[in-house]
């Protein structure tokens, strides 16, 4: 039966009974992505945003560090909003063995009953000029602003929108990640302990 996976002794949260979803960011793109996806399976939910700390650097490097940031935001938002589900979305970069750099992004969902699920990654190559600025200590969004002359790219189309010539925007990319992170909630039976 869907929704059967849970932590020891806790009754699982049924998505159609979710009333509060807290997103660990004030960024309208991240909040919009969470709302667009989760409202489809939790139609009665109210969405709130909370500026919470990720516990990782402003520019996370590597998938593992970026996932830690997403999980920390999800947990902190869930508590701050006294929510049924907390959502964290974190973007990072990954240094590749050939010296190039790519993006990564991860979404994490945490429920009141203690379940966690993570989905990602937005893996897209970054131009050498952007990678150089990031290696010099700049955050990806600021590097994109500097190179494009735009302002606050990360709260709009993002690097993904610029580097795909508008074929994908940041919210659309994040919606995919939130959908992946919902897997353990919408298809919980697949994570239930196997019986022999």
C-alpha atoms as a PDB file:
ATOM      1  CA  UNK A   1       0.000   0.000   0.000  1.00  0.00           C
ATOM      2  CA  UNK A   2       1.441   3.453  -0.898  1.00  0.00           C
ATOM      3  CA  UNK A   3       2.813   5.439   2.003  1.00  0.00           C
ATOM      4  CA  UNK A   4       3.720   2.310   4.001  1.00  0.00           C
ATOM      5  CA  UNK A   5       7.406   3.119   4.443  1.00  0.00           C
ATOM      6  CA  UNK A   6       8.149   4.903   7.700  1.00  0.00           C
ATOM      7  CA  UNK A   7      10.577   5.228  10.533  1.00  0.00           C
ATOM      8  CA  UNK A   8      10.233   2.967  13.569  1.00  0.00           C
ATOM      9  CA  UNK A   9       6.923   3.550  15.324  1.00  0.00           C
ATOM     10  CA  UNK A  10       5.922   6.650  13.344  1.00  0.00           C
ATOM     11  CA  UNK A  11       2.758   6.691  11.277  1.00  0.00           C
ATOM     12  CA  UNK A  12       3.623   7.683   7.715  1.00  0.00           C
ATOM     13  CA  UNK A  13       2.359  10.968   6.354  1.00  0.00           C
ATOM     14  CA  UNK A  14      -0.148  10.420   3.558  1.00  0.00           C
ATOM     15  CA  UNK A  15       0.413  12.978   0.792  1.00  0.00           C
ATOM     16  CA  UNK A  16      -3.278  13.747   0.358  1.00  0.00           C
ATOM     17  CA  UNK A  17      -3.373  14.690   4.056  1.00  0.00           C
ATOM     18  CA  UNK A  18      -0.378  17.034   3.893  1.00  0.00           C
ATOM     19  CA  UNK A  19      -1.435  20.515   4.958  1.00  0.00           C
ATOM     20  CA  UNK A  20       1.878  22.345   5.335  1.00  0.00           C
ATOM     21  CA  UNK A  21       4.972  22.256   3.162  1.00  0.00           C
ATOM     22  CA  UNK A  22       7.931  24.414   4.175  1.00  0.00           C
ATOM     23  CA  UNK A  23      10.610  25.305   1.644  1.00  0.00           C
ATOM     24  CA  UNK A  24      14.073  26.128   2.962  1.00  0.00           C
ATOM     25  CA  UNK A  25      14.610  29.221   0.835  1.00  0.00           C
ATOM     26  CA  UNK A  26      13.154  32.635   0.130  1.00  0.00           C
ATOM     27  CA  UNK A  27      14.039  32.248  -3.548  1.00  0.00           C
ATOM     28  CA  UNK A  28      10.776  32.369  -5.503  1.00  0.00           C
ATOM     29  CA  UNK A  29      12.184  29.964  -8.128  1.00  0.00           C
ATOM     30  CA  UNK A  30      12.810  27.244  -5.525  1.00  0.00           C
ATOM     31  CA  UNK A  31       9.473  27.839  -3.811  1.00  0.00           C
ATOM     32  CA  UNK A  32       7.723  27.813  -7.188  1.00  0.00           C
ATOM     33  CA  UNK A  33       9.349  24.518  -8.175  1.00  0.00           C
ATOM     34  CA  UNK A  34       8.332  22.858  -4.906  1.00  0.00           C
ATOM     35  CA  UNK A  35       4.770  24.156  -5.199  1.00  0.00           C
ATOM     36  CA  UNK A  36       4.374  23.172  -8.866  1.00  0.00           C
ATOM     37  CA  UNK A  37       5.328  19.559  -8.165  1.00  0.00           C
ATOM     38  CA  UNK A  38       4.117  18.798  -4.646  1.00  0.00           C
ATOM     39  CA  UNK A  39       0.705  20.466  -5.077  1.00  0.00           C
ATOM     40  CA  UNK A  40      -0.079  17.783  -7.667  1.00  0.00           C
ATOM     41  CA  UNK A  41       0.029  15.054  -4.994  1.00  0.00           C
ATOM     42  CA  UNK A  42      -0.789  17.171  -1.926  1.00  0.00           C
ATOM     43  CA  UNK A  43      -3.553  19.415  -3.272  1.00  0.00           C
ATOM     44  CA  UNK A  44      -4.572  20.852   0.112  1.00  0.00           C
ATOM     45  CA  UNK A  45      -1.085  21.929   1.151  1.00  0.00           C
ATOM     46  CA  UNK A  46      -0.143  25.467   2.071  1.00  0.00           C
ATOM     47  CA  UNK A  47       3.424  26.418   1.085  1.00  0.00           C
ATOM     48  CA  UNK A  48       5.663  28.642   3.174  1.00  0.00           C
ATOM     49  CA  UNK A  49       9.245  29.749   2.658  1.00  0.00           C
ATOM     50  CA  UNK A  50      11.904  30.024   5.335  1.00  0.00           C
ATOM     51  CA  UNK A  51      15.404  31.448   5.045  1.00  0.00           C
ATOM     52  CA  UNK A  52      17.413  28.681   6.698  1.00  0.00           C
ATOM     53  CA  UNK A  53      21.075  27.773   6.749  1.00  0.00           C
ATOM     54  CA  UNK A  54      22.448  24.979   4.605  1.00  0.00           C
ATOM     55  CA  UNK A  55      25.458  24.213   6.790  1.00  0.00           C
ATOM     56  CA  UNK A  56      27.638  24.132   3.677  1.00  0.00           C
ATOM     57  CA  UNK A  57      29.553  26.904   1.878  1.00  0.00           C
ATOM     58  CA  UNK A  58      27.563  29.392  -0.234  1.00  0.00           C
ATOM     59  CA  UNK A  59      29.044  27.606  -3.239  1.00  0.00           C
ATOM     60  CA  UNK A  60      28.998  23.886  -2.468  1.00  0.00           C
ATOM     61  CA  UNK A  61      31.534  21.798  -4.374  1.00  0.00           C
ATOM     62  CA  UNK A  62      30.713  18.194  -5.202  1.00  0.00           C
ATOM     63  CA  UNK A  63      27.521  16.204  -5.144  1.00  0.00           C
ATOM     64  CA  UNK A  64      27.961  14.996  -1.535  1.00  0.00           C
ATOM     65  CA  UNK A  65      28.364  18.505  -0.106  1.00  0.00           C
ATOM     66  CA  UNK A  66      25.440  19.778  -2.168  1.00  0.00           C
ATOM     67  CA  UNK A  67      23.205  16.927  -0.963  1.00  0.00           C
ATOM     68  CA  UNK A  68      24.157  17.707   2.651  1.00  0.00           C
ATOM     69  CA  UNK A  69      23.075  21.304   2.084  1.00  0.00           C
ATOM     70  CA  UNK A  70      19.732  20.271   0.580  1.00  0.00           C
ATOM     71  CA  UNK A  71      19.018  17.894   3.474  1.00  0.00           C
ATOM     72  CA  UNK A  72      19.983  20.512   6.078  1.00  0.00           C
ATOM     73  CA  UNK A  73      17.651  23.046   4.460  1.00  0.00           C
ATOM     74  CA  UNK A  74      14.795  20.520   4.299  1.00  0.00           C
ATOM     75  CA  UNK A  75      15.142  19.593   7.982  1.00  0.00           C
ATOM     76  CA  UNK A  76      15.464  23.217   9.123  1.00  0.00           C
ATOM     77  CA  UNK A  77      12.510  24.368   7.015  1.00  0.00           C
ATOM     78  CA  UNK A  78      10.306  21.540   8.260  1.00  0.00           C
ATOM     79  CA  UNK A  79      10.996  22.543  11.855  1.00  0.00           C
ATOM     80  CA  UNK A  80      10.729  26.303  11.207  1.00  0.00           C
ATOM     81  CA  UNK A  81       7.366  25.894   9.502  1.00  0.00           C
ATOM     82  CA  UNK A  82       6.100  23.100  11.774  1.00  0.00           C
ATOM     83  CA  UNK A  83       5.353  21.446   8.445  1.00  0.00           C
ATOM     84  CA  UNK A  84       4.362  17.971   7.338  1.00  0.00           C
ATOM     85  CA  UNK A  85       7.100  18.125   4.694  1.00  0.00           C
ATOM     86  CA  UNK A  86      10.257  20.216   4.480  1.00  0.00           C
ATOM     87  CA  UNK A  87      11.923  20.867   1.138  1.00  0.00           C
ATOM     88  CA  UNK A  88      15.538  21.812   0.519  1.00  0.00           C
ATOM     89  CA  UNK A  89      17.023  22.613  -2.873  1.00  0.00           C
ATOM     90  CA  UNK A  90      20.747  23.213  -3.192  1.00  0.00           C
ATOM     91  CA  UNK A  91      22.848  24.000  -6.253  1.00  0.00           C
ATOM     92  CA  UNK A  92      26.537  23.223  -6.484  1.00  0.00           C
ATOM     93  CA  UNK A  93      29.398  22.607  -8.853  1.00  0.00           C
ATOM     94  CA  UNK A  94      31.563  19.559  -9.528  1.00  0.00           C
ATOM     95  CA  UNK A  95      35.193  19.629 -10.659  1.00  0.00           C
ATOM     96  CA  UNK A  96      35.684  16.977 -13.321  1.00  0.00           C
ATOM     97  CA  UNK A  97      38.877  14.906 -13.741  1.00  0.00           C
ATOM     98  CA  UNK A  98      39.624  16.582 -17.095  1.00  0.00           C
ATOM     99  CA  UNK A  99      39.760  20.029 -15.441  1.00  0.00           C
ATOM    100  CA  UNK A 100      36.299  21.110 -16.553  1.00  0.00           C
ATOM    101  CA  UNK A 101      33.441  21.973 -14.233  1.00  0.00           C
ATOM    102  CA  UNK A 102      29.760  21.095 -14.260  1.00  0.00           C
ATOM    103  CA  UNK A 103      26.735  22.101 -12.266  1.00  0.00           C
ATOM    104  CA  UNK A 104      24.834  19.890  -9.887  1.00  0.00           C
ATOM    105  CA  UNK A 105      21.618  20.461  -7.994  1.00  0.00           C
ATOM    106  CA  UNK A 106      19.768  18.331  -5.495  1.00  0.00           C
ATOM    107  CA  UNK A 107      16.342  18.445  -3.876  1.00  0.00           C
ATOM    108  CA  UNK A 108      15.598  16.846  -0.513  1.00  0.00           C
ATOM    109  CA  UNK A 109      12.258  16.138   1.110  1.00  0.00           C
ATOM    110  CA  UNK A 110      11.886  15.384   4.806  1.00  0.00           C
ATOM    111  CA  UNK A 111       8.596  14.385   6.405  1.00  0.00           C
ATOM    112  CA  UNK A 112       7.305  14.880   9.910  1.00  0.00           C
ATOM    113  CA  UNK A 113       7.558  11.105  10.442  1.00  0.00           C
ATOM    114  CA  UNK A 114      11.290  11.183   9.658  1.00  0.00           C
ATOM    115  CA  UNK A 115      11.413   9.934   6.080  1.00  0.00           C
ATOM    116  CA  UNK A 116      14.009  11.494   3.783  1.00  0.00           C
ATOM    117  CA  UNK A 117      14.297  11.351   0.028  1.00  0.00           C
ATOM    118  CA  UNK A 118      16.789  13.032  -2.285  1.00  0.00           C
ATOM    119  CA  UNK A 119      16.686  13.577  -6.050  1.00  0.00           C
ATOM    120  CA  UNK A 120      19.021  15.243  -8.568  1.00  0.00           C
ATOM    121  CA  UNK A 121      21.313  16.142 -10.343  1.00  0.00           C
ATOM    122  CA  UNK A 122      21.295  19.037 -12.788  1.00  0.00           C
ATOM    123  CA  UNK A 123      24.549  18.147 -14.543  1.00  0.00           C
ATOM    124  CA  UNK A 124      25.430  20.749 -17.168  1.00  0.00           C
ATOM    125  CA  UNK A 125      28.907  21.787 -18.360  1.00  0.00           C
ATOM    126  CA  UNK A 126      30.054  25.262 -17.377  1.00  0.00           C
ATOM    127  CA  UNK A 127      32.090  27.527 -19.677  1.00  0.00           C
ATOM    128  CA  UNK A 128      35.785  27.900 -18.728  1.00  0.00           C
ATOM    129  CA  UNK A 129      35.307  31.592 -17.841  1.00  0.00           C
ATOM    130  CA  UNK A 130      32.564  30.740 -15.340  1.00  0.00           C
ATOM    131  CA  UNK A 131      34.611  27.898 -13.856  1.00  0.00           C
ATOM    132  CA  UNK A 132      37.580  30.251 -13.430  1.00  0.00           C
ATOM    133  CA  UNK A 133      35.493  32.793 -11.496  1.00  0.00           C
ATOM    134  CA  UNK A 134      34.061  30.054  -9.255  1.00  0.00           C
ATOM    135  CA  UNK A 135      37.528  28.645  -8.554  1.00  0.00           C
ATOM    136  CA  UNK A 136      38.498  32.191  -7.631  1.00  0.00           C
ATOM    137  CA  UNK A 137      35.868  32.162  -4.883  1.00  0.00           C
ATOM    138  CA  UNK A 138      32.757  33.450  -6.638  1.00  0.00           C
ATOM    139  CA  UNK A 139      29.331  31.818  -6.390  1.00  0.00           C
ATOM    140  CA  UNK A 140      27.873  30.507  -9.684  1.00  0.00           C
ATOM    141  CA  UNK A 141      25.022  33.045  -9.746  1.00  0.00           C
ATOM    142  CA  UNK A 142      27.429  35.953  -9.242  1.00  0.00           C
ATOM    143  CA  UNK A 143      29.777  34.580 -11.895  1.00  0.00           C
ATOM    144  CA  UNK A 144      26.888  34.418 -14.357  1.00  0.00           C
ATOM    145  CA  UNK A 145      25.864  37.973 -13.433  1.00  0.00           C
ATOM    146  CA  UNK A 146      29.401  39.230 -14.043  1.00  0.00           C
ATOM    147  CA  UNK A 147      29.773  37.522 -17.408  1.00  0.00           C
ATOM    148  CA  UNK A 148      26.307  38.354 -18.726  1.00  0.00           C
ATOM    149  CA  UNK A 149      25.860  41.818 -17.202  1.00  0.00           C
ATOM    150  CA  UNK A 150      22.565  40.600 -15.712  1.00  0.00           C
ATOM    151  CA  UNK A 151      21.457  41.060 -12.095  1.00  0.00           C
ATOM    152  CA  UNK A 152      20.417  38.289  -9.681  1.00  0.00           C
ATOM    153  CA  UNK A 153      20.455  35.537 -12.301  1.00  0.00           C
ATOM    154  CA  UNK A 154      19.967  32.868  -9.641  1.00  0.00           C
ATOM    155  CA  UNK A 155      16.526  34.230  -8.771  1.00  0.00           C
ATOM    156  CA  UNK A 156      15.473  34.150 -12.415  1.00  0.00           C
ATOM    157  CA  UNK A 157      16.417  31.977 -15.372  1.00  0.00           C
ATOM    158  CA  UNK A 158      19.660  30.900 -13.705  1.00  0.00           C
ATOM    159  CA  UNK A 159      22.780  29.600 -15.374  1.00  0.00           C
ATOM    160  CA  UNK A 160      20.692  26.831 -16.936  1.00  0.00           C
ATOM    161  CA  UNK A 161      18.460  29.356 -18.703  1.00  0.00           C
ATOM    162  CA  UNK A 162      21.383  31.364 -20.021  1.00  0.00           C
ATOM    163  CA  UNK A 163      23.490  28.381 -21.073  1.00  0.00           C
ATOM    164  CA  UNK A 164      20.617  26.566 -22.809  1.00  0.00           C
ATOM    165  CA  UNK A 165      19.574  29.751 -24.658  1.00  0.00           C
ATOM    166  CA  UNK A 166      16.225  29.694 -22.856  1.00  0.00           C
ATOM    167  CA  UNK A 167      15.350  26.083 -23.694  1.00  0.00           C
ATOM    168  CA  UNK A 168      15.174  25.335 -19.941  1.00  0.00           C
ATOM    169  CA  UNK A 169      14.769  27.715 -17.050  1.00  0.00           C
ATOM    170  CA  UNK A 170      15.862  27.268 -13.454  1.00  0.00           C
ATOM    171  CA  UNK A 171      12.398  26.538 -12.069  1.00  0.00           C
ATOM    172  CA  UNK A 172      11.746  23.887 -14.720  1.00  0.00           C
ATOM    173  CA  UNK A 173      15.061  22.222 -13.941  1.00  0.00           C
ATOM    174  CA  UNK A 174      14.306  22.272 -10.206  1.00  0.00           C
ATOM    175  CA  UNK A 175      10.838  20.825 -10.771  1.00  0.00           C
ATOM    176  CA  UNK A 176      12.489  17.701 -12.182  1.00  0.00           C
ATOM    177  CA  UNK A 177      14.673  17.378  -9.072  1.00  0.00           C
ATOM    178  CA  UNK A 178      11.709  17.780  -6.701  1.00  0.00           C
ATOM    179  CA  UNK A 179       9.836  15.133  -8.719  1.00  0.00           C
ATOM    180  CA  UNK A 180      12.759  12.723  -8.316  1.00  0.00           C
ATOM    181  CA  UNK A 181      12.899  13.459  -4.583  1.00  0.00           C
ATOM    182  CA  UNK A 182       9.198  12.557  -4.287  1.00  0.00           C
ATOM    183  CA  UNK A 183       9.903   8.980  -5.397  1.00  0.00           C
ATOM    184  CA  UNK A 184      10.085   7.486  -1.889  1.00  0.00           C
ATOM    185  CA  UNK A 185       6.788   9.186  -1.039  1.00  0.00           C
ATOM    186  CA  UNK A 186       4.701   8.468  -4.144  1.00  0.00           C
ATOM    187  CA  UNK A 187       6.091   4.956  -4.734  1.00  0.00           C
ATOM    188  CA  UNK A 188       6.872   4.018  -1.125  1.00  0.00           C
ATOM    189  CA  UNK A 189       6.223   0.292  -1.630  1.00  0.00           C
ATOM    190  CA  UNK A 190       9.450  -0.032  -3.567  1.00  0.00           C
ATOM    191  CA  UNK A 191      11.405   0.988  -0.445  1.00  0.00           C
ATOM    192  CA  UNK A 192       9.465  -1.215   1.984  1.00  0.00           C
ATOM    193  CA  UNK A 193      11.457  -4.092   3.561  1.00  0.00           C
ATOM    194  CA  UNK A 194      11.336  -7.186   1.390  1.00  0.00           C
ATOM    195  CA  UNK A 195       9.689 -10.267   2.865  1.00  0.00           C
ATOM    196  CA  UNK A 196      10.756 -13.779   1.993  1.00  0.00           C
END
